[in-house]
N, C-alpha and C. Protein backbone atom coordinates (compact mmCIF):
# COMPACT_ATOMS: atom_id res chain seq x y z
N MET A 1 -9.18 11.20 -10.60
CA MET A 1 -8.26 10.09 -10.86
C MET A 1 -7.10 10.58 -11.73
N THR A 2 -5.91 10.24 -11.31
CA THR A 2 -4.72 10.59 -12.08
C THR A 2 -4.24 9.38 -12.85
N GLU A 3 -3.96 9.57 -14.12
CA GLU A 3 -3.47 8.45 -14.92
C GLU A 3 -2.02 8.70 -15.29
N ILE A 4 -1.18 7.75 -14.96
CA ILE A 4 0.23 7.88 -15.30
C ILE A 4 0.40 7.53 -16.77
N LYS A 5 1.01 8.42 -17.51
CA LYS A 5 1.18 8.19 -18.94
C LYS A 5 2.64 8.00 -19.31
N SER A 6 3.54 8.05 -18.33
CA SER A 6 4.95 7.90 -18.66
C SER A 6 5.63 6.94 -17.70
N THR A 7 6.66 6.31 -18.17
CA THR A 7 7.50 5.38 -17.42
C THR A 7 6.72 4.42 -16.53
N PRO A 8 5.74 3.69 -17.09
CA PRO A 8 4.95 2.77 -16.26
C PRO A 8 5.77 1.63 -15.68
N LEU A 9 6.90 1.31 -16.29
CA LEU A 9 7.71 0.22 -15.78
C LEU A 9 8.29 0.52 -14.41
N LYS A 10 8.20 1.75 -13.98
CA LYS A 10 8.72 2.11 -12.66
C LYS A 10 7.90 1.47 -11.54
N PHE A 11 6.80 0.86 -11.86
CA PHE A 11 5.97 0.23 -10.83
C PHE A 11 6.24 -1.26 -10.70
N TYR A 12 7.31 -1.74 -11.32
CA TYR A 12 7.66 -3.14 -11.20
C TYR A 12 8.87 -3.32 -10.29
N THR A 13 9.01 -4.51 -9.77
CA THR A 13 10.17 -4.80 -8.94
C THR A 13 11.42 -4.82 -9.80
N LEU A 14 12.55 -4.78 -9.14
CA LEU A 14 13.83 -4.74 -9.83
C LEU A 14 13.99 -5.88 -10.83
N LEU A 15 13.68 -7.09 -10.40
CA LEU A 15 13.92 -8.26 -11.25
C LEU A 15 13.19 -8.18 -12.59
N PRO A 16 11.85 -8.08 -12.60
CA PRO A 16 11.20 -8.04 -13.91
C PRO A 16 11.38 -6.74 -14.66
N SER A 17 11.64 -5.63 -13.98
CA SER A 17 11.78 -4.38 -14.72
C SER A 17 13.04 -4.39 -15.56
N PHE A 18 14.10 -4.99 -15.07
CA PHE A 18 15.29 -5.14 -15.90
C PHE A 18 15.03 -6.13 -17.03
N LYS A 19 14.36 -7.21 -16.71
CA LYS A 19 14.10 -8.24 -17.70
C LYS A 19 13.27 -7.68 -18.86
N ALA A 20 12.36 -6.79 -18.54
CA ALA A 20 11.47 -6.26 -19.56
C ALA A 20 12.21 -5.43 -20.59
N HIS A 21 13.39 -4.95 -20.26
CA HIS A 21 14.15 -4.11 -21.17
C HIS A 21 15.09 -4.92 -22.06
N VAL A 22 15.09 -6.22 -21.89
CA VAL A 22 16.11 -7.03 -22.54
C VAL A 22 15.51 -8.09 -23.45
N SER A 23 16.02 -8.19 -24.66
CA SER A 23 15.51 -9.20 -25.57
C SER A 23 16.01 -10.57 -25.14
N GLU A 24 15.25 -11.60 -25.47
CA GLU A 24 15.58 -12.95 -25.01
C GLU A 24 16.94 -13.42 -25.50
N GLU A 25 17.28 -13.10 -26.75
CA GLU A 25 18.54 -13.59 -27.31
C GLU A 25 19.75 -12.92 -26.67
N LYS A 26 19.55 -11.78 -26.02
CA LYS A 26 20.67 -11.09 -25.37
C LYS A 26 20.74 -11.38 -23.88
N GLU A 27 19.84 -12.20 -23.41
CA GLU A 27 19.71 -12.42 -21.98
C GLU A 27 20.98 -12.99 -21.36
N GLN A 28 21.69 -13.86 -22.10
CA GLN A 28 22.87 -14.49 -21.54
C GLN A 28 24.00 -13.49 -21.29
N MET A 29 23.88 -12.30 -21.80
CA MET A 29 24.94 -11.31 -21.65
C MET A 29 24.74 -10.45 -20.40
N LEU A 30 23.67 -10.72 -19.64
CA LEU A 30 23.29 -9.80 -18.59
C LEU A 30 24.07 -9.82 -17.27
N PRO A 31 24.43 -10.94 -16.71
CA PRO A 31 24.89 -10.95 -15.33
C PRO A 31 25.87 -9.86 -14.93
N LYS A 32 26.96 -9.69 -15.67
CA LYS A 32 27.95 -8.68 -15.31
C LYS A 32 27.35 -7.28 -15.38
N ASP A 33 26.57 -7.01 -16.41
CA ASP A 33 25.96 -5.70 -16.56
C ASP A 33 25.01 -5.38 -15.43
N ILE A 34 24.18 -6.38 -15.07
CA ILE A 34 23.22 -6.18 -13.99
C ILE A 34 23.95 -5.94 -12.67
N ALA A 35 25.01 -6.70 -12.44
CA ALA A 35 25.79 -6.52 -11.21
C ALA A 35 26.36 -5.11 -11.14
N ASN A 36 26.83 -4.61 -12.27
CA ASN A 36 27.39 -3.25 -12.30
C ASN A 36 26.32 -2.21 -12.01
N ILE A 37 25.14 -2.41 -12.57
CA ILE A 37 24.06 -1.45 -12.34
C ILE A 37 23.63 -1.48 -10.88
N LEU A 38 23.52 -2.68 -10.32
CA LEU A 38 23.16 -2.78 -8.91
C LEU A 38 24.17 -2.05 -8.04
N GLU A 39 25.44 -2.17 -8.40
CA GLU A 39 26.48 -1.49 -7.65
C GLU A 39 26.30 0.02 -7.73
N ASN A 40 25.94 0.50 -8.91
CA ASN A 40 25.77 1.94 -9.11
C ASN A 40 24.56 2.50 -8.36
N ILE A 41 23.51 1.68 -8.23
CA ILE A 41 22.28 2.23 -7.65
C ILE A 41 22.14 1.98 -6.16
N LYS A 42 23.03 1.19 -5.56
CA LYS A 42 22.78 0.77 -4.18
C LYS A 42 22.75 1.93 -3.19
N ASN A 43 23.35 3.05 -3.54
CA ASN A 43 23.34 4.19 -2.64
C ASN A 43 22.38 5.29 -3.09
N ALA A 44 21.55 4.98 -4.07
CA ALA A 44 20.58 5.98 -4.53
C ALA A 44 19.67 6.35 -3.36
N ASP A 45 19.52 7.65 -3.11
CA ASP A 45 18.77 8.07 -1.93
C ASP A 45 17.36 8.53 -2.24
N SER A 46 16.92 8.35 -3.45
CA SER A 46 15.54 8.69 -3.78
C SER A 46 15.06 7.85 -4.95
N TYR A 47 13.75 7.75 -5.06
CA TYR A 47 13.13 6.98 -6.14
C TYR A 47 13.53 7.54 -7.50
N GLN A 48 13.45 8.86 -7.65
CA GLN A 48 13.77 9.47 -8.93
C GLN A 48 15.24 9.27 -9.29
N LYS A 49 16.12 9.41 -8.29
CA LYS A 49 17.55 9.21 -8.56
C LYS A 49 17.80 7.78 -9.00
N TYR A 50 17.12 6.86 -8.35
CA TYR A 50 17.25 5.45 -8.71
C TYR A 50 16.93 5.24 -10.18
N TRP A 51 15.79 5.78 -10.62
CA TRP A 51 15.40 5.57 -12.01
C TRP A 51 16.21 6.40 -12.98
N ASP A 52 16.74 7.54 -12.56
CA ASP A 52 17.64 8.30 -13.41
C ASP A 52 18.88 7.47 -13.73
N ILE A 53 19.36 6.76 -12.71
CA ILE A 53 20.54 5.91 -12.92
C ILE A 53 20.20 4.75 -13.86
N ILE A 54 19.04 4.15 -13.64
CA ILE A 54 18.61 3.06 -14.52
C ILE A 54 18.54 3.54 -15.96
N ASP A 55 17.88 4.68 -16.17
CA ASP A 55 17.72 5.21 -17.53
C ASP A 55 19.07 5.51 -18.16
N SER A 56 19.97 6.02 -17.35
CA SER A 56 21.31 6.33 -17.85
C SER A 56 22.04 5.07 -18.29
N GLU A 57 21.93 4.02 -17.48
CA GLU A 57 22.58 2.76 -17.82
C GLU A 57 21.98 2.16 -19.09
N LEU A 58 20.66 2.25 -19.18
CA LEU A 58 19.99 1.69 -20.36
C LEU A 58 20.39 2.44 -21.62
N ALA A 59 20.55 3.76 -21.50
CA ALA A 59 20.87 4.59 -22.66
C ALA A 59 22.26 4.29 -23.21
N LYS A 60 23.20 4.01 -22.32
CA LYS A 60 24.58 3.81 -22.79
C LYS A 60 24.92 2.34 -23.05
N ASN A 61 24.01 1.44 -22.73
CA ASN A 61 24.29 0.03 -22.92
C ASN A 61 23.43 -0.51 -24.05
N PRO A 62 24.00 -0.81 -25.20
CA PRO A 62 23.19 -1.25 -26.35
C PRO A 62 22.54 -2.61 -26.17
N LYS A 63 22.92 -3.35 -25.14
CA LYS A 63 22.32 -4.67 -24.94
C LYS A 63 20.92 -4.55 -24.33
N PHE A 64 20.56 -3.36 -23.86
CA PHE A 64 19.24 -3.16 -23.28
C PHE A 64 18.32 -2.51 -24.30
N GLU A 65 17.09 -2.98 -24.35
CA GLU A 65 16.11 -2.43 -25.27
C GLU A 65 14.96 -1.85 -24.46
N LYS A 66 14.93 -0.55 -24.38
CA LYS A 66 13.93 0.11 -23.54
C LYS A 66 12.56 0.11 -24.23
N LEU A 67 11.53 -0.16 -23.46
CA LEU A 67 10.18 -0.20 -24.00
C LEU A 67 9.54 1.18 -23.91
N ASP A 68 8.80 1.56 -24.93
CA ASP A 68 8.09 2.84 -24.86
C ASP A 68 6.71 2.63 -24.24
N ASP A 69 6.10 3.74 -23.86
CA ASP A 69 4.83 3.67 -23.13
C ASP A 69 3.71 3.03 -23.95
N GLU A 70 3.68 3.33 -25.25
CA GLU A 70 2.61 2.78 -26.08
C GLU A 70 2.70 1.27 -26.17
N THR A 71 3.92 0.76 -26.26
CA THR A 71 4.12 -0.69 -26.29
C THR A 71 3.63 -1.30 -24.99
N PHE A 72 3.96 -0.65 -23.89
CA PHE A 72 3.56 -1.15 -22.57
C PHE A 72 2.04 -1.19 -22.46
N LYS A 73 1.38 -0.12 -22.88
CA LYS A 73 -0.07 -0.04 -22.76
C LYS A 73 -0.77 -1.14 -23.55
N LYS A 74 -0.18 -1.55 -24.66
CA LYS A 74 -0.77 -2.59 -25.49
C LYS A 74 -0.52 -3.99 -24.93
N GLY A 75 0.30 -4.07 -23.90
CA GLY A 75 0.61 -5.36 -23.33
C GLY A 75 1.62 -6.15 -24.16
N GLU A 76 2.28 -5.48 -25.11
CA GLU A 76 3.24 -6.17 -25.97
C GLU A 76 4.65 -6.01 -25.41
N TYR A 77 4.90 -6.71 -24.35
CA TYR A 77 6.20 -6.61 -23.73
C TYR A 77 6.58 -7.95 -23.15
N TYR A 78 7.85 -8.10 -22.86
CA TYR A 78 8.36 -9.39 -22.44
C TYR A 78 8.93 -9.29 -21.03
N ILE A 79 8.27 -9.95 -20.09
CA ILE A 79 8.77 -10.02 -18.73
C ILE A 79 8.78 -11.50 -18.36
N LYS A 80 9.91 -12.00 -17.94
CA LYS A 80 10.00 -13.41 -17.61
C LYS A 80 10.93 -13.59 -16.42
N THR A 81 10.53 -14.44 -15.50
CA THR A 81 11.40 -14.78 -14.39
C THR A 81 11.40 -16.29 -14.23
N SER A 82 12.48 -16.80 -13.69
CA SER A 82 12.59 -18.24 -13.49
C SER A 82 11.95 -18.62 -12.17
N THR A 83 10.97 -19.52 -12.22
CA THR A 83 10.30 -19.95 -10.99
C THR A 83 11.29 -20.55 -10.00
N ASN A 84 12.28 -21.25 -10.52
CA ASN A 84 13.27 -21.90 -9.65
C ASN A 84 14.47 -21.02 -9.37
N PHE A 85 14.51 -19.85 -9.98
CA PHE A 85 15.63 -18.93 -9.79
C PHE A 85 16.97 -19.62 -10.01
N ASP A 86 17.08 -20.37 -11.11
CA ASP A 86 18.30 -21.13 -11.34
C ASP A 86 19.13 -20.64 -12.51
N SER A 87 18.68 -19.60 -13.21
CA SER A 87 19.49 -19.09 -14.31
C SER A 87 20.61 -18.20 -13.75
N GLU A 88 21.64 -17.98 -14.55
CA GLU A 88 22.74 -17.13 -14.10
C GLU A 88 22.25 -15.71 -13.84
N TYR A 89 21.30 -15.27 -14.66
CA TYR A 89 20.72 -13.93 -14.47
C TYR A 89 20.07 -13.83 -13.10
N ASP A 90 19.23 -14.82 -12.78
CA ASP A 90 18.52 -14.81 -11.50
C ASP A 90 19.50 -14.89 -10.34
N LYS A 91 20.52 -15.74 -10.47
CA LYS A 91 21.50 -15.89 -9.39
C LYS A 91 22.22 -14.58 -9.12
N THR A 92 22.52 -13.84 -10.18
CA THR A 92 23.20 -12.56 -10.01
C THR A 92 22.33 -11.59 -9.23
N ILE A 93 21.05 -11.51 -9.60
CA ILE A 93 20.13 -10.63 -8.90
C ILE A 93 19.97 -11.06 -7.44
N LEU A 94 19.75 -12.35 -7.22
CA LEU A 94 19.52 -12.84 -5.87
C LEU A 94 20.75 -12.65 -4.99
N ASN A 95 21.92 -12.85 -5.55
CA ASN A 95 23.15 -12.64 -4.78
C ASN A 95 23.30 -11.17 -4.39
N ALA A 96 22.95 -10.28 -5.31
CA ALA A 96 23.04 -8.86 -5.01
C ALA A 96 22.06 -8.48 -3.90
N LEU A 97 20.85 -9.06 -3.95
CA LEU A 97 19.87 -8.80 -2.91
C LEU A 97 20.33 -9.39 -1.57
N LYS A 98 20.93 -10.59 -1.63
CA LYS A 98 21.40 -11.24 -0.42
C LYS A 98 22.43 -10.38 0.29
N GLU A 99 23.29 -9.72 -0.48
CA GLU A 99 24.29 -8.83 0.10
C GLU A 99 23.64 -7.67 0.85
N LYS A 100 22.42 -7.33 0.48
CA LYS A 100 21.68 -6.27 1.16
C LYS A 100 20.87 -6.81 2.34
N GLY A 101 21.00 -8.12 2.59
CA GLY A 101 20.26 -8.72 3.70
C GLY A 101 18.86 -9.14 3.33
N ILE A 102 18.60 -9.29 2.02
CA ILE A 102 17.26 -9.65 1.54
C ILE A 102 17.34 -11.00 0.85
N SER A 103 16.43 -11.90 1.18
CA SER A 103 16.46 -13.22 0.56
C SER A 103 15.07 -13.62 0.09
N ILE A 104 15.02 -14.51 -0.88
CA ILE A 104 13.76 -15.04 -1.40
C ILE A 104 13.80 -16.56 -1.27
N ALA A 105 12.78 -17.14 -0.72
CA ALA A 105 12.69 -18.60 -0.64
C ALA A 105 11.96 -19.09 -1.88
N PRO A 106 12.65 -19.81 -2.77
CA PRO A 106 12.04 -20.22 -4.05
C PRO A 106 10.74 -21.02 -3.89
N GLU A 107 10.61 -21.78 -2.79
CA GLU A 107 9.41 -22.59 -2.65
C GLU A 107 8.16 -21.73 -2.45
N PHE A 108 8.34 -20.45 -2.20
CA PHE A 108 7.20 -19.57 -2.01
C PHE A 108 6.85 -18.78 -3.26
N ILE A 109 7.52 -19.09 -4.36
CA ILE A 109 7.35 -18.31 -5.58
C ILE A 109 6.45 -19.04 -6.58
N GLU A 110 5.55 -18.30 -7.18
CA GLU A 110 4.75 -18.82 -8.27
C GLU A 110 4.81 -17.82 -9.42
N THR A 111 4.59 -18.29 -10.62
CA THR A 111 4.54 -17.39 -11.77
C THR A 111 3.13 -17.41 -12.34
N ALA A 112 2.57 -16.25 -12.50
CA ALA A 112 1.22 -16.13 -13.06
C ALA A 112 1.31 -15.37 -14.38
N SER A 113 0.50 -15.74 -15.34
CA SER A 113 0.54 -15.10 -16.65
C SER A 113 -0.80 -14.47 -16.99
N SER A 114 -0.74 -13.35 -17.68
CA SER A 114 -1.96 -12.70 -18.14
C SER A 114 -2.27 -13.16 -19.56
N LYS A 115 -3.43 -12.79 -20.05
CA LYS A 115 -3.81 -13.19 -21.41
C LYS A 115 -2.92 -12.53 -22.45
N GLU A 116 -2.24 -11.43 -22.07
CA GLU A 116 -1.34 -10.77 -23.00
C GLU A 116 -0.01 -11.50 -23.14
N GLY A 117 0.17 -12.56 -22.32
CA GLY A 117 1.41 -13.31 -22.42
C GLY A 117 2.50 -12.80 -21.51
N PHE A 118 2.15 -11.91 -20.59
CA PHE A 118 3.14 -11.37 -19.68
C PHE A 118 3.11 -12.18 -18.39
N SER A 119 4.28 -12.49 -17.87
CA SER A 119 4.35 -13.28 -16.64
C SER A 119 4.91 -12.44 -15.50
N LEU A 120 4.45 -12.73 -14.32
CA LEU A 120 4.79 -11.94 -13.15
C LEU A 120 5.08 -12.88 -12.00
N THR A 121 6.18 -12.67 -11.33
CA THR A 121 6.52 -13.52 -10.20
C THR A 121 5.80 -13.01 -8.96
N VAL A 122 5.09 -13.89 -8.30
CA VAL A 122 4.37 -13.53 -7.09
C VAL A 122 4.65 -14.56 -6.01
N LEU A 123 4.39 -14.22 -4.79
CA LEU A 123 4.61 -15.16 -3.70
C LEU A 123 3.32 -15.85 -3.30
N LYS A 124 3.43 -17.14 -3.00
CA LYS A 124 2.28 -17.90 -2.51
C LYS A 124 2.01 -17.52 -1.07
N ILE A 125 0.77 -17.41 -0.73
CA ILE A 125 0.37 -17.16 0.65
C ILE A 125 -0.52 -18.32 1.09
N LYS A 126 -0.39 -18.72 2.32
CA LYS A 126 -1.18 -19.82 2.86
C LYS A 126 -2.66 -19.66 2.52
N GLY A 127 -3.26 -20.73 2.03
CA GLY A 127 -4.68 -20.69 1.71
C GLY A 127 -4.98 -20.34 0.26
N THR A 128 -3.94 -20.11 -0.54
CA THR A 128 -4.17 -19.80 -1.94
C THR A 128 -3.71 -20.97 -2.80
N LYS A 129 -4.23 -21.04 -3.99
CA LYS A 129 -3.82 -22.11 -4.90
C LYS A 129 -2.76 -21.61 -5.86
N SER A 130 -2.07 -22.53 -6.46
CA SER A 130 -0.99 -22.18 -7.38
C SER A 130 -1.50 -21.24 -8.47
N GLY A 131 -0.74 -20.19 -8.74
CA GLY A 131 -1.09 -19.26 -9.80
C GLY A 131 -1.94 -18.10 -9.36
N ASP A 132 -2.44 -18.12 -8.11
CA ASP A 132 -3.23 -17.00 -7.63
C ASP A 132 -2.40 -15.72 -7.58
N LEU A 133 -3.03 -14.62 -7.87
CA LEU A 133 -2.42 -13.32 -7.67
C LEU A 133 -3.05 -12.75 -6.40
N ILE A 134 -2.20 -12.28 -5.51
CA ILE A 134 -2.66 -11.97 -4.15
C ILE A 134 -2.86 -10.48 -3.92
N ASP A 135 -3.95 -10.14 -3.31
CA ASP A 135 -4.22 -8.79 -2.84
C ASP A 135 -3.72 -8.72 -1.39
N TYR A 136 -2.76 -7.87 -1.13
CA TYR A 136 -2.15 -7.81 0.20
C TYR A 136 -3.18 -7.57 1.31
N THR A 137 -4.19 -6.77 1.01
CA THR A 137 -5.18 -6.46 2.03
C THR A 137 -5.93 -7.71 2.48
N LYS A 138 -6.05 -8.70 1.60
CA LYS A 138 -6.76 -9.92 1.95
C LYS A 138 -5.90 -10.87 2.79
N ALA A 139 -4.59 -10.58 2.87
CA ALA A 139 -3.69 -11.45 3.62
C ALA A 139 -3.42 -10.92 5.02
N GLN A 140 -3.92 -9.75 5.33
CA GLN A 140 -3.55 -9.12 6.59
C GLN A 140 -4.07 -9.86 7.81
N HIS A 141 -5.13 -10.64 7.65
CA HIS A 141 -5.67 -11.35 8.80
C HIS A 141 -4.70 -12.40 9.32
N LEU A 142 -3.66 -12.72 8.53
CA LEU A 142 -2.67 -13.70 8.96
C LEU A 142 -1.63 -13.09 9.90
N LEU A 143 -1.64 -11.77 10.02
CA LEU A 143 -0.62 -11.09 10.81
C LEU A 143 -1.18 -10.46 12.07
N SER A 144 -0.38 -10.47 13.12
CA SER A 144 -0.71 -9.72 14.33
C SER A 144 -0.37 -8.25 14.06
N ASP A 145 -0.83 -7.35 14.93
CA ASP A 145 -0.52 -5.93 14.75
C ASP A 145 0.99 -5.68 14.73
N LYS A 146 1.71 -6.37 15.60
CA LYS A 146 3.16 -6.21 15.65
C LYS A 146 3.80 -6.69 14.35
N GLU A 147 3.30 -7.82 13.83
CA GLU A 147 3.85 -8.36 12.59
C GLU A 147 3.53 -7.45 11.40
N LYS A 148 2.33 -6.86 11.43
CA LYS A 148 1.98 -5.92 10.36
C LYS A 148 2.96 -4.75 10.33
N GLN A 149 3.29 -4.26 11.53
CA GLN A 149 4.20 -3.13 11.60
C GLN A 149 5.58 -3.52 11.06
N GLU A 150 5.99 -4.76 11.34
CA GLU A 150 7.27 -5.24 10.81
C GLU A 150 7.23 -5.27 9.29
N VAL A 151 6.12 -5.75 8.75
CA VAL A 151 5.97 -5.79 7.30
C VAL A 151 6.03 -4.38 6.72
N TYR A 152 5.28 -3.47 7.31
CA TYR A 152 5.25 -2.10 6.82
C TYR A 152 6.64 -1.48 6.84
N THR A 153 7.36 -1.68 7.95
CA THR A 153 8.69 -1.11 8.08
C THR A 153 9.62 -1.62 7.00
N GLN A 154 9.56 -2.94 6.77
CA GLN A 154 10.41 -3.53 5.73
C GLN A 154 10.02 -3.02 4.35
N LEU A 155 8.72 -2.92 4.10
CA LEU A 155 8.27 -2.46 2.79
C LEU A 155 8.70 -1.02 2.53
N GLN A 156 8.63 -0.18 3.55
CA GLN A 156 9.07 1.19 3.40
C GLN A 156 10.54 1.23 2.98
N LYS A 157 11.34 0.47 3.70
CA LYS A 157 12.78 0.44 3.44
C LYS A 157 13.08 -0.07 2.04
N LEU A 158 12.44 -1.18 1.68
CA LEU A 158 12.72 -1.81 0.39
C LEU A 158 12.17 -0.99 -0.77
N THR A 159 11.01 -0.38 -0.57
CA THR A 159 10.42 0.42 -1.63
C THR A 159 11.30 1.63 -1.92
N LYS A 160 11.82 2.26 -0.88
CA LYS A 160 12.67 3.42 -1.07
C LYS A 160 13.97 3.05 -1.77
N LEU A 161 14.40 1.83 -1.61
CA LEU A 161 15.59 1.36 -2.30
C LEU A 161 15.30 1.00 -3.76
N GLY A 162 14.01 0.93 -4.08
CA GLY A 162 13.64 0.56 -5.44
C GLY A 162 13.72 -0.93 -5.68
N ILE A 163 13.83 -1.72 -4.62
CA ILE A 163 14.00 -3.16 -4.77
C ILE A 163 12.67 -3.88 -4.85
N VAL A 164 11.67 -3.40 -4.16
CA VAL A 164 10.39 -4.10 -4.14
C VAL A 164 9.26 -3.09 -4.15
N ASN A 165 8.15 -3.47 -4.70
CA ASN A 165 6.96 -2.65 -4.54
C ASN A 165 5.75 -3.54 -4.39
N VAL A 166 4.73 -3.02 -3.78
CA VAL A 166 3.48 -3.74 -3.62
C VAL A 166 2.40 -2.98 -4.36
N ASP A 167 1.76 -3.63 -5.29
CA ASP A 167 0.67 -3.02 -6.04
C ASP A 167 -0.64 -3.58 -5.53
N ILE A 168 -1.54 -2.72 -5.10
CA ILE A 168 -2.86 -3.16 -4.69
C ILE A 168 -3.85 -2.63 -5.71
N LEU A 169 -4.43 -3.54 -6.47
CA LEU A 169 -5.32 -3.14 -7.54
C LEU A 169 -6.76 -3.46 -7.22
N GLU A 170 -7.64 -2.59 -7.60
CA GLU A 170 -9.08 -2.84 -7.53
C GLU A 170 -9.59 -2.60 -8.94
N GLY A 171 -10.00 -3.66 -9.61
CA GLY A 171 -10.29 -3.53 -11.04
C GLY A 171 -8.97 -3.34 -11.75
N ASN A 172 -8.83 -2.22 -12.45
CA ASN A 172 -7.54 -1.95 -13.10
C ASN A 172 -6.89 -0.70 -12.52
N SER A 173 -7.23 -0.37 -11.28
CA SER A 173 -6.68 0.83 -10.66
C SER A 173 -5.83 0.48 -9.45
N LEU A 174 -4.68 1.11 -9.36
CA LEU A 174 -3.85 1.03 -8.16
C LEU A 174 -4.23 2.21 -7.29
N LYS A 175 -4.78 1.94 -6.13
CA LYS A 175 -5.23 3.02 -5.26
C LYS A 175 -4.27 3.21 -4.11
N ILE A 176 -3.83 4.42 -3.93
CA ILE A 176 -2.90 4.74 -2.85
C ILE A 176 -3.56 5.79 -1.99
N THR A 177 -4.15 5.37 -0.90
CA THR A 177 -4.89 6.30 -0.05
C THR A 177 -4.47 6.12 1.40
N PRO A 178 -4.35 7.19 2.15
CA PRO A 178 -3.82 7.12 3.51
C PRO A 178 -4.78 6.49 4.52
N ASP A 179 -6.03 6.30 4.16
CA ASP A 179 -6.99 5.78 5.13
C ASP A 179 -7.22 4.28 4.99
N LYS A 180 -6.45 3.61 4.12
CA LYS A 180 -6.56 2.18 3.94
C LYS A 180 -5.62 1.44 4.89
N PRO A 181 -5.77 0.12 5.05
CA PRO A 181 -4.88 -0.64 5.93
C PRO A 181 -3.41 -0.56 5.54
N HIS A 182 -3.13 -0.28 4.26
CA HIS A 182 -1.75 -0.18 3.82
C HIS A 182 -1.24 1.26 3.92
N ARG A 183 -1.69 1.97 4.94
CA ARG A 183 -1.39 3.39 5.10
C ARG A 183 0.10 3.70 5.09
N VAL A 184 0.89 2.90 5.80
CA VAL A 184 2.32 3.18 5.90
C VAL A 184 3.00 3.03 4.53
N ILE A 185 2.57 1.99 3.81
CA ILE A 185 3.10 1.80 2.46
C ILE A 185 2.70 2.98 1.59
N SER A 186 1.47 3.41 1.73
CA SER A 186 0.97 4.51 0.91
C SER A 186 1.76 5.78 1.16
N GLU A 187 2.01 6.07 2.43
CA GLU A 187 2.74 7.29 2.75
C GLU A 187 4.15 7.24 2.18
N SER A 188 4.76 6.05 2.25
CA SER A 188 6.08 5.89 1.66
C SER A 188 6.02 6.13 0.17
N TRP A 189 4.98 5.57 -0.46
CA TRP A 189 4.86 5.70 -1.91
C TRP A 189 4.60 7.15 -2.32
N ARG A 190 3.83 7.86 -1.50
CA ARG A 190 3.56 9.27 -1.81
C ARG A 190 4.87 10.05 -1.89
N ASN A 191 5.79 9.72 -1.01
CA ASN A 191 7.07 10.41 -1.02
C ASN A 191 7.87 10.09 -2.28
N LEU A 192 7.63 8.92 -2.83
CA LEU A 192 8.39 8.48 -3.99
C LEU A 192 7.76 8.94 -5.30
N CYS A 193 6.45 8.93 -5.34
CA CYS A 193 5.76 9.29 -6.58
C CYS A 193 4.40 9.90 -6.21
N PRO A 194 4.24 11.20 -6.35
CA PRO A 194 3.03 11.89 -5.86
C PRO A 194 1.80 11.70 -6.74
N VAL A 195 1.30 10.47 -6.80
CA VAL A 195 0.06 10.21 -7.51
C VAL A 195 -0.83 9.36 -6.61
N GLU A 196 -2.12 9.43 -6.81
CA GLU A 196 -3.03 8.69 -5.96
C GLU A 196 -3.48 7.38 -6.58
N GLU A 197 -3.53 7.31 -7.88
CA GLU A 197 -3.89 6.04 -8.51
C GLU A 197 -3.51 6.08 -9.98
N TYR A 198 -3.35 4.92 -10.55
CA TYR A 198 -3.09 4.88 -11.97
C TYR A 198 -3.84 3.71 -12.58
N THR A 199 -4.06 3.77 -13.88
CA THR A 199 -4.77 2.68 -14.54
C THR A 199 -3.94 2.17 -15.71
N THR A 200 -4.11 0.92 -16.02
CA THR A 200 -3.49 0.33 -17.20
C THR A 200 -4.37 -0.80 -17.67
N ASP A 201 -4.54 -0.90 -18.97
CA ASP A 201 -5.38 -1.95 -19.53
C ASP A 201 -4.70 -3.32 -19.48
N SER A 202 -3.41 -3.32 -19.23
CA SER A 202 -2.67 -4.57 -19.30
C SER A 202 -2.79 -5.43 -18.05
N LEU A 203 -3.08 -4.81 -16.93
CA LEU A 203 -3.10 -5.53 -15.66
C LEU A 203 -4.50 -5.54 -15.10
N GLN A 204 -5.00 -6.71 -14.76
CA GLN A 204 -6.40 -6.81 -14.37
C GLN A 204 -6.64 -7.32 -12.96
N LYS A 205 -5.74 -8.14 -12.41
CA LYS A 205 -6.02 -8.80 -11.13
C LYS A 205 -5.22 -8.21 -9.98
N PRO A 206 -5.76 -8.30 -8.76
CA PRO A 206 -4.95 -7.91 -7.61
C PRO A 206 -3.70 -8.77 -7.55
N ARG A 207 -2.60 -8.18 -7.12
CA ARG A 207 -1.39 -8.98 -7.05
C ARG A 207 -0.47 -8.49 -5.93
N LEU A 208 0.39 -9.35 -5.51
CA LEU A 208 1.36 -9.00 -4.49
C LEU A 208 2.75 -9.40 -4.96
N ILE A 209 3.66 -8.48 -4.90
CA ILE A 209 5.07 -8.80 -5.13
C ILE A 209 5.77 -8.45 -3.83
N ILE A 210 6.33 -9.43 -3.18
CA ILE A 210 6.91 -9.19 -1.86
C ILE A 210 8.06 -10.15 -1.65
N LEU A 211 9.06 -9.77 -0.87
CA LEU A 211 10.21 -10.62 -0.64
C LEU A 211 10.05 -11.42 0.64
N GLU A 212 10.56 -12.65 0.63
CA GLU A 212 10.40 -13.56 1.76
C GLU A 212 10.97 -12.98 3.04
N LYS A 213 12.00 -12.16 2.92
CA LYS A 213 12.65 -11.60 4.10
C LYS A 213 11.68 -10.78 4.95
N ILE A 214 10.65 -10.20 4.32
CA ILE A 214 9.73 -9.35 5.05
C ILE A 214 9.12 -10.06 6.24
N HIS A 215 8.65 -11.26 6.04
CA HIS A 215 8.19 -12.05 7.17
C HIS A 215 7.94 -13.49 6.74
N SER A 216 8.96 -14.34 6.90
CA SER A 216 8.85 -15.71 6.41
C SER A 216 7.72 -16.47 7.08
N LYS A 217 7.39 -16.09 8.31
CA LYS A 217 6.32 -16.76 9.04
C LYS A 217 4.99 -16.72 8.29
N LEU A 218 4.78 -15.65 7.55
CA LEU A 218 3.52 -15.46 6.83
C LEU A 218 3.26 -16.56 5.82
N PHE A 219 4.33 -17.13 5.26
CA PHE A 219 4.17 -18.05 4.16
C PHE A 219 4.30 -19.52 4.55
N LYS A 220 4.45 -19.81 5.82
CA LYS A 220 4.58 -21.20 6.25
C LYS A 220 3.22 -21.87 6.29
N ASN A 221 3.16 -23.11 5.84
CA ASN A 221 1.89 -23.84 5.84
C ASN A 221 1.61 -24.39 7.23
C-alpha cells in the first residue's frame, strides 16, 4: 500500500480545492481571481502542469491561504460549497465550466458533512436519500454498457483537465486497480498520478463527485 504524504488536496474537484485555500472573510474577493486562474489553466496538458499552475497562483496571490499536509490530515480545514450555487463565487466557477461545455444541475446536488466539520458537494443518485455519499461502483447497475462507456469517456476527459475526479473509497482507502469496474477511470488516473491507493484519517465514507453533464439520464427520478 502506498500512502500519499504530500499535496492531498490534489484529489479534490476544482470547486472545493480552491475553496479550501481561502479564508471565509476573504471569500468575497475571489471571483475575478478564480476566473483568471481558470483562464491560465484551461490549456494545461497534464495533471502535474495543472497543479504547478495552481501552486504558482497561490504563491503569488496573498488572498489565498494554502493548507499544509499536517493540517489536512487532522481534518482541520475549511471546504464549503453552496448547495444552490447562488453565490458570486459559485457563479464564476459554473460559468467557467459552462464555457467548457460542462454543466451542473443544482437539483442533483447535496452537501454532506463529516464529523470533522468538512463539507463535500456530491450528486444525488436515484434510490439514495438526502446526504448520502455515493460509491460509484454501486450506481453502475443504472447504466447500460454503452452508457457506462460514455461516462468513462467523459470522466477521462474531465479528470485530465483537472476539473473533476471520482474517489472510490473502501474503508479509508482509495483503491485504483485495473481489474475493477472503474478500469478506464483507473487507467486515466494512473497516467496522472502513479499510485495505487492512498489513505487519510479525515475521509471515511464512499463518495462520488461527478458533473451532471456526464450523463443527466442517470439522475432522473
